[in-house]
């Protein structure tokens, strides 16, 4: 093992120790913080200077994307006009390792003047920030991974994890669902996975289906025409009875295949999905040899069809 690897692993071990001690921060004060944020009719204003500022920015982004409106305000900019971004219905979350960050003084004074709730996250319960706050979260003082004990490493990791814990707790308390999540994440692979089946499926004349008792010669024409590599077998009420795939054809290959009825060839227990399900669910179901899913309603009537290629095209896979 090289010295470089040892150093890197020691960093992780040190930060893990810090994260383990972080559990002590989740006490009655944390519960009070959750209640205060839930009652807040404005936004969570997250602020911090230096490395704490970078962590604050990320926490604000995580809160906003999980159903808790939030924004980051740089404390230095706040002193030059950005205090006007903080409204009386907001709540302020201020991060400072020492609790004595000079640049936070104007934000702290502003919250005290206008009775805006202030949450502090520090490692010093006797600090000015901690004593000024309505809710004081105190993190255990743990060894920094930096050998000089100067660069914020363990402490910033602990603050980041605290922010995640805060956001997820609020998410669960609010009942924030995947559907809600989709509203804030319409782009990229995540947004694609959170699309609904009804938004992506093929419907109407695009769906390859034939009636029960149809000859395989006709079924093959339908399969070829629609190009999904399968055909659904339905009854007179359009209820799905089974499915015939390319694999079923190979397994049933014989000289009289074209004269057989679709009922003799079809698989009678095909996987199906509801139109109101998420594309993520369909991607999970279409693993291995399954590449298409028929979309049916509660009465098992065919509504449409979805292929793994559709999911690929929108970036859901």
Protein backbone atom coordinates (compact mmCIF):
# COMPACT_ATOMS: atom_id res chain seq x y z
CA UNK A 1 0.00 0.00 0.00
CA UNK A 2 1.49 3.33 -1.01
CA UNK A 3 1.75 6.33 1.27
CA UNK A 4 -0.72 8.21 -0.95
CA UNK A 5 -3.41 5.58 -0.42
CA UNK A 6 -2.81 5.59 3.34
CA UNK A 7 -3.25 9.36 3.48
CA UNK A 8 -6.49 9.21 1.45
CA UNK A 9 -7.92 6.40 3.59
CA UNK A 10 -7.04 8.27 6.79
CA UNK A 11 -9.01 11.25 5.49
CA UNK A 12 -12.07 9.05 5.00
CA UNK A 13 -11.65 7.41 8.42
CA UNK A 14 -11.38 10.81 10.09
CA UNK A 15 -14.46 12.15 8.35
CA UNK A 16 -16.44 8.98 9.13
CA UNK A 17 -15.68 9.54 12.80
CA UNK A 18 -17.01 13.06 12.45
CA UNK A 19 -20.20 11.86 10.78
CA UNK A 20 -20.76 9.29 13.51
CA UNK A 21 -20.53 12.00 16.17
CA UNK A 22 -22.96 14.13 14.16
CA UNK A 23 -25.82 11.93 15.39
CA UNK A 24 -25.56 13.69 18.76
CA UNK A 25 -26.73 16.92 17.13
CA UNK A 26 -30.18 15.49 16.49
CA UNK A 27 -31.90 16.25 19.76
CA UNK A 28 -34.94 18.26 20.92
CA UNK A 29 -33.50 21.42 19.36
CA UNK A 30 -33.42 19.71 15.97
CA UNK A 31 -37.07 18.72 16.42
CA UNK A 32 -37.87 22.35 17.24
CA UNK A 33 -36.00 23.44 14.10
CA UNK A 34 -38.07 21.07 11.96
CA UNK A 35 -41.29 22.43 13.47
CA UNK A 36 -40.16 26.02 12.93
CA UNK A 37 -39.30 25.43 9.28
CA UNK A 38 -42.58 23.62 8.67
CA UNK A 39 -44.47 26.58 10.11
CA UNK A 40 -42.45 29.07 8.08
CA UNK A 41 -44.58 30.63 5.33
CA UNK A 42 -41.55 32.18 3.64
CA UNK A 43 -38.20 30.75 2.61
CA UNK A 44 -35.22 29.29 4.41
CA UNK A 45 -32.38 31.77 3.93
CA UNK A 46 -29.11 29.83 4.20
CA UNK A 47 -25.88 31.71 4.76
CA UNK A 48 -22.25 31.13 5.60
CA UNK A 49 -18.79 32.42 4.76
CA UNK A 50 -15.90 30.62 3.06
CA UNK A 51 -16.24 26.82 3.03
CA UNK A 52 -19.38 27.13 5.16
CA UNK A 53 -20.74 29.35 2.40
CA UNK A 54 -20.19 26.68 -0.24
CA UNK A 55 -21.93 24.15 2.00
CA UNK A 56 -24.75 26.64 2.63
CA UNK A 57 -25.27 27.05 -1.10
CA UNK A 58 -25.61 23.31 -1.54
CA UNK A 59 -28.01 22.98 1.41
CA UNK A 60 -30.22 25.72 -0.04
CA UNK A 61 -30.29 23.89 -3.38
CA UNK A 62 -31.17 20.57 -1.71
CA UNK A 63 -33.95 22.13 0.35
CA UNK A 64 -35.42 23.87 -2.69
CA UNK A 65 -35.42 20.70 -4.78
CA UNK A 66 -37.15 18.68 -2.07
CA UNK A 67 -40.10 20.91 -1.33
CA UNK A 68 -38.71 23.51 1.09
CA UNK A 69 -38.27 26.90 -0.63
CA UNK A 70 -34.78 28.17 0.15
CA UNK A 71 -32.06 30.47 -1.15
CA UNK A 72 -28.43 31.21 -0.36
CA UNK A 73 -27.35 34.73 0.55
CA UNK A 74 -23.66 35.60 0.73
CA UNK A 75 -23.08 37.37 4.06
CA UNK A 76 -20.70 39.94 2.57
CA UNK A 77 -23.19 40.80 -0.16
CA UNK A 78 -25.93 40.98 2.47
CA UNK A 79 -24.08 43.88 4.08
CA UNK A 80 -24.20 45.74 0.77
CA UNK A 81 -27.89 45.54 -0.03
CA UNK A 82 -28.81 41.86 -0.15
CA UNK A 83 -30.37 42.06 3.31
CA UNK A 84 -33.36 43.30 1.35
CA UNK A 85 -33.80 39.75 0.06
CA UNK A 86 -34.72 38.56 3.55
CA UNK A 87 -38.43 38.98 4.34
CA UNK A 88 -40.15 38.95 7.71
CA UNK A 89 -41.81 35.58 6.99
CA UNK A 90 -38.47 33.91 6.25
CA UNK A 91 -36.26 31.89 8.57
CA UNK A 92 -32.47 32.14 8.52
CA UNK A 93 -30.07 29.20 8.77
CA UNK A 94 -26.52 30.40 9.46
CA UNK A 95 -23.49 28.09 9.30
CA UNK A 96 -20.18 28.92 10.96
CA UNK A 97 -17.65 26.48 12.34
CA UNK A 98 -16.39 28.91 14.97
CA UNK A 99 -19.60 30.87 15.40
CA UNK A 100 -17.57 34.05 15.33
CA UNK A 101 -17.57 34.78 11.58
CA UNK A 102 -17.43 38.58 11.39
CA UNK A 103 -19.22 38.77 8.03
CA UNK A 104 -22.37 37.21 9.55
CA UNK A 105 -22.85 40.03 12.06
CA UNK A 106 -25.11 42.17 9.86
CA UNK A 107 -27.41 39.24 9.01
CA UNK A 108 -27.62 38.28 12.69
CA UNK A 109 -28.42 41.88 13.67
CA UNK A 110 -31.05 42.09 10.91
CA UNK A 111 -32.83 38.95 12.15
CA UNK A 112 -32.84 40.28 15.72
CA UNK A 113 -34.20 43.67 14.66
CA UNK A 114 -37.10 42.26 12.64
CA UNK A 115 -37.81 39.16 14.76
CA UNK A 116 -36.85 36.76 12.01
CA UNK A 117 -36.14 33.26 13.42
CA UNK A 118 -32.44 32.39 13.38
CA UNK A 119 -31.01 28.87 13.35
CA UNK A 120 -27.28 28.53 13.98
CA UNK A 121 -25.06 25.55 13.18
CA UNK A 122 -21.66 25.80 14.88
CA UNK A 123 -19.12 23.80 16.86
CA UNK A 124 -19.08 26.36 19.66
CA UNK A 125 -22.15 26.67 21.90
CA UNK A 126 -20.60 29.70 23.62
CA UNK A 127 -20.04 31.59 20.37
CA UNK A 128 -21.72 34.87 19.51
CA UNK A 129 -23.74 33.22 16.72
CA UNK A 130 -24.90 30.35 18.90
CA UNK A 131 -25.95 32.64 21.75
CA UNK A 132 -27.78 34.98 19.37
CA UNK A 133 -29.79 32.25 17.68
CA UNK A 134 -33.33 31.17 18.46
CA UNK A 135 -32.29 27.60 17.70
CA UNK A 136 -28.69 26.60 18.32
CA UNK A 137 -27.45 23.38 16.71
CA UNK A 138 -24.05 22.47 18.11
CA UNK A 139 -21.91 19.92 16.27
CA UNK A 140 -19.26 17.90 18.06
CA UNK A 141 -15.76 19.34 17.60
CA UNK A 142 -13.91 16.60 15.71
CA UNK A 143 -10.42 16.40 14.26
CA UNK A 144 -10.08 17.91 10.80
CA UNK A 145 -8.74 15.56 8.13
CA UNK A 146 -6.20 18.25 7.25
CA UNK A 147 -2.95 17.29 9.05
CA UNK A 148 -2.45 20.94 10.05
CA UNK A 149 -5.95 21.09 11.51
CA UNK A 150 -6.65 24.20 9.46
CA UNK A 151 -8.49 23.38 6.22
CA UNK A 152 -12.21 22.72 6.87
CA UNK A 153 -12.63 19.06 5.95
CA UNK A 154 -14.32 16.99 8.64
CA UNK A 155 -16.26 20.02 9.87
CA UNK A 156 -17.57 20.93 6.41
CA UNK A 157 -18.51 17.30 5.74
CA UNK A 158 -20.49 17.27 8.98
CA UNK A 159 -22.31 20.46 8.00
CA UNK A 160 -23.11 19.05 4.58
CA UNK A 161 -24.53 15.87 6.12
CA UNK A 162 -26.52 17.93 8.61
CA UNK A 163 -28.08 19.79 5.70
CA UNK A 164 -29.02 16.53 4.00
CA UNK A 165 -30.57 15.25 7.23
CA UNK A 166 -32.55 18.48 7.59
CA UNK A 167 -33.81 18.37 4.00
CA UNK A 168 -34.80 14.69 4.07
CA UNK A 169 -36.56 15.01 7.43
CA UNK A 170 -38.57 17.94 6.07
CA UNK A 171 -39.25 16.00 2.87
CA UNK A 172 -40.75 13.09 4.79
CA UNK A 173 -42.71 15.30 7.17
CA UNK A 174 -44.27 17.08 4.17
CA UNK A 175 -45.03 13.84 2.35
CA UNK A 176 -43.00 15.05 -0.63
CA UNK A 177 -43.40 12.33 -3.30
CA UNK A 178 -41.66 11.29 -6.51
CA UNK A 179 -44.38 13.10 -8.40
CA UNK A 180 -43.59 16.29 -6.51
CA UNK A 181 -39.89 15.71 -7.14
CA UNK A 182 -40.57 15.52 -10.88
CA UNK A 183 -41.95 19.06 -10.91
CA UNK A 184 -38.59 20.44 -9.77
CA UNK A 185 -36.47 18.10 -11.92
CA UNK A 186 -37.92 18.15 -15.46
CA UNK A 187 -34.55 17.92 -17.17
CA UNK A 188 -31.89 15.25 -17.53
CA UNK A 189 -32.00 11.55 -16.76
CA UNK A 190 -33.72 12.09 -13.42
CA UNK A 191 -36.50 14.08 -15.05
CA UNK A 192 -36.94 11.41 -17.71
CA UNK A 193 -37.26 8.62 -15.14
CA UNK A 194 -39.92 10.63 -13.34
CA UNK A 195 -42.07 11.04 -16.46
CA UNK A 196 -45.38 9.20 -16.48
CA UNK A 197 -45.99 6.24 -18.78
CA UNK A 198 -48.92 8.11 -20.36
CA UNK A 199 -46.50 10.85 -21.44
CA UNK A 200 -44.29 8.43 -23.36
CA UNK A 201 -46.41 5.48 -24.49
CA UNK A 202 -47.62 4.79 -28.03
CA UNK A 203 -51.40 4.62 -28.36
CA UNK A 204 -54.19 4.14 -30.91
CA UNK A 205 -53.22 2.67 -34.26
CA UNK A 206 -49.57 2.47 -33.19
CA UNK A 207 -50.29 -0.39 -30.78
CA UNK A 208 -49.70 -3.88 -32.27
CA UNK A 209 -52.77 -5.96 -31.35
CA UNK A 210 -54.81 -8.72 -32.93
CA UNK A 211 -58.03 -10.43 -31.91
CA UNK A 212 -58.13 -13.82 -30.26
CA UNK A 213 -58.39 -16.72 -32.76
CA UNK A 214 -56.45 -14.73 -35.38
CA UNK A 215 -54.15 -16.78 -37.62
CA UNK A 216 -50.42 -16.41 -36.99
CA UNK A 217 -49.97 -15.32 -40.62
CA UNK A 218 -51.99 -12.17 -39.86
CA UNK A 219 -50.31 -11.67 -36.49
CA UNK A 220 -46.89 -11.70 -38.14
CA UNK A 221 -47.99 -8.97 -40.52
CA UNK A 222 -49.11 -6.84 -37.57
CA UNK A 223 -45.81 -7.42 -35.77
CA UNK A 224 -43.85 -6.44 -38.85
CA UNK A 225 -45.95 -3.36 -39.51
CA UNK A 226 -45.75 -1.92 -35.95
CA UNK A 227 -42.08 -2.84 -35.34
CA UNK A 228 -42.20 -3.42 -31.59
CA UNK A 229 -41.06 -7.04 -31.86
CA UNK A 230 -44.31 -8.26 -30.37
CA UNK A 231 -48.06 -8.32 -30.77
CA UNK A 232 -50.77 -8.30 -28.14
CA UNK A 233 -53.74 -10.65 -28.26
CA UNK A 234 -57.04 -9.12 -27.15
CA UNK A 235 -60.67 -10.18 -26.90
CA UNK A 236 -63.67 -8.35 -28.33
CA UNK A 237 -63.59 -5.91 -25.39
CA UNK A 238 -59.92 -5.06 -26.06
CA UNK A 239 -58.78 -6.85 -22.90
CA UNK A 240 -55.25 -8.19 -23.09
CA UNK A 241 -55.23 -11.99 -23.13
CA UNK A 242 -51.57 -12.55 -23.96
CA UNK A 243 -48.55 -11.46 -25.96
CA UNK A 244 -46.45 -12.98 -28.71
CA UNK A 245 -42.82 -11.89 -28.93
CA UNK A 246 -39.98 -12.67 -31.31
CA UNK A 247 -38.81 -15.17 -28.72
CA UNK A 248 -42.17 -16.92 -28.72
CA UNK A 249 -41.94 -17.24 -32.50
CA UNK A 250 -38.52 -18.86 -32.35
CA UNK A 251 -39.64 -21.29 -29.67
CA UNK A 252 -42.75 -22.22 -31.69
CA UNK A 253 -41.10 -22.46 -35.10
CA UNK A 254 -42.60 -25.24 -37.21
CA UNK A 255 -43.77 -25.84 -40.79
CA UNK A 256 -47.40 -25.11 -39.88
CA UNK A 257 -46.74 -22.05 -37.70
CA UNK A 258 -48.56 -19.66 -40.03
CA UNK A 259 -51.73 -21.73 -39.86
CA UNK A 260 -51.85 -21.81 -36.07
CA UNK A 261 -54.02 -19.51 -33.97
CA UNK A 262 -52.40 -16.80 -31.86
CA UNK A 263 -53.97 -18.35 -28.75
CA UNK A 264 -51.77 -21.43 -29.25
CA UNK A 265 -48.55 -19.40 -29.34
CA UNK A 266 -49.07 -16.47 -26.96
CA UNK A 267 -47.65 -16.11 -23.47
CA UNK A 268 -50.66 -15.75 -21.19
CA UNK A 269 -48.99 -13.86 -18.32
CA UNK A 270 -47.24 -10.87 -19.89
CA UNK A 271 -45.86 -8.07 -17.73
CA UNK A 272 -47.97 -4.93 -18.00
CA UNK A 273 -47.99 -1.45 -16.53
CA UNK A 274 -50.48 1.29 -15.69
CA UNK A 275 -50.44 4.58 -17.60
CA UNK A 276 -50.08 6.56 -14.37
CA UNK A 277 -46.92 4.71 -13.31
CA UNK A 278 -43.51 6.34 -13.58
CA UNK A 279 -41.13 5.58 -16.43
CA UNK A 280 -38.60 4.65 -13.73
CA UNK A 281 -40.88 1.74 -12.81
CA UNK A 282 -41.05 0.61 -16.43
CA UNK A 283 -37.26 0.73 -16.80
CA UNK A 284 -36.95 -1.46 -13.73
CA UNK A 285 -39.45 -3.97 -15.15
CA UNK A 286 -37.81 -4.09 -18.58
CA UNK A 287 -34.66 -5.82 -17.44
CA UNK A 288 -33.15 -8.84 -19.14
CA UNK A 289 -35.14 -10.10 -22.13
CA UNK A 290 -38.21 -7.87 -21.68
CA UNK A 291 -38.07 -4.86 -24.01
CA UNK A 292 -41.74 -3.83 -24.26
CA UNK A 293 -44.66 -3.41 -21.90
CA UNK A 294 -48.33 -3.19 -22.77
CA UNK A 295 -50.12 -0.40 -20.93
CA UNK A 296 -53.49 -1.46 -19.56
CA UNK A 297 -56.20 0.10 -17.40
CA UNK A 298 -57.83 -1.40 -14.30
CA UNK A 299 -60.14 -3.56 -16.44
CA UNK A 300 -57.09 -4.91 -18.34
CA UNK A 301 -58.03 -3.09 -21.54
CA UNK A 302 -55.08 -2.11 -23.72
CA UNK A 303 -54.26 1.61 -23.53
CA UNK A 304 -50.90 1.63 -25.27
CA UNK A 305 -47.40 0.18 -25.47
CA UNK A 306 -43.99 1.28 -24.22
CA UNK A 307 -40.61 0.11 -25.44
CA UNK A 308 -37.18 0.26 -23.84
CA UNK A 309 -36.10 2.29 -26.89
CA UNK A 310 -38.61 5.01 -25.92
CA UNK A 311 -36.96 5.18 -22.52
CA UNK A 312 -33.51 5.34 -24.12
CA UNK A 313 -34.53 8.20 -26.39
CA UNK A 314 -35.55 10.43 -23.45
CA UNK A 315 -32.50 9.46 -21.39
CA UNK A 316 -34.31 7.40 -18.75
CA UNK A 317 -31.88 4.48 -19.11
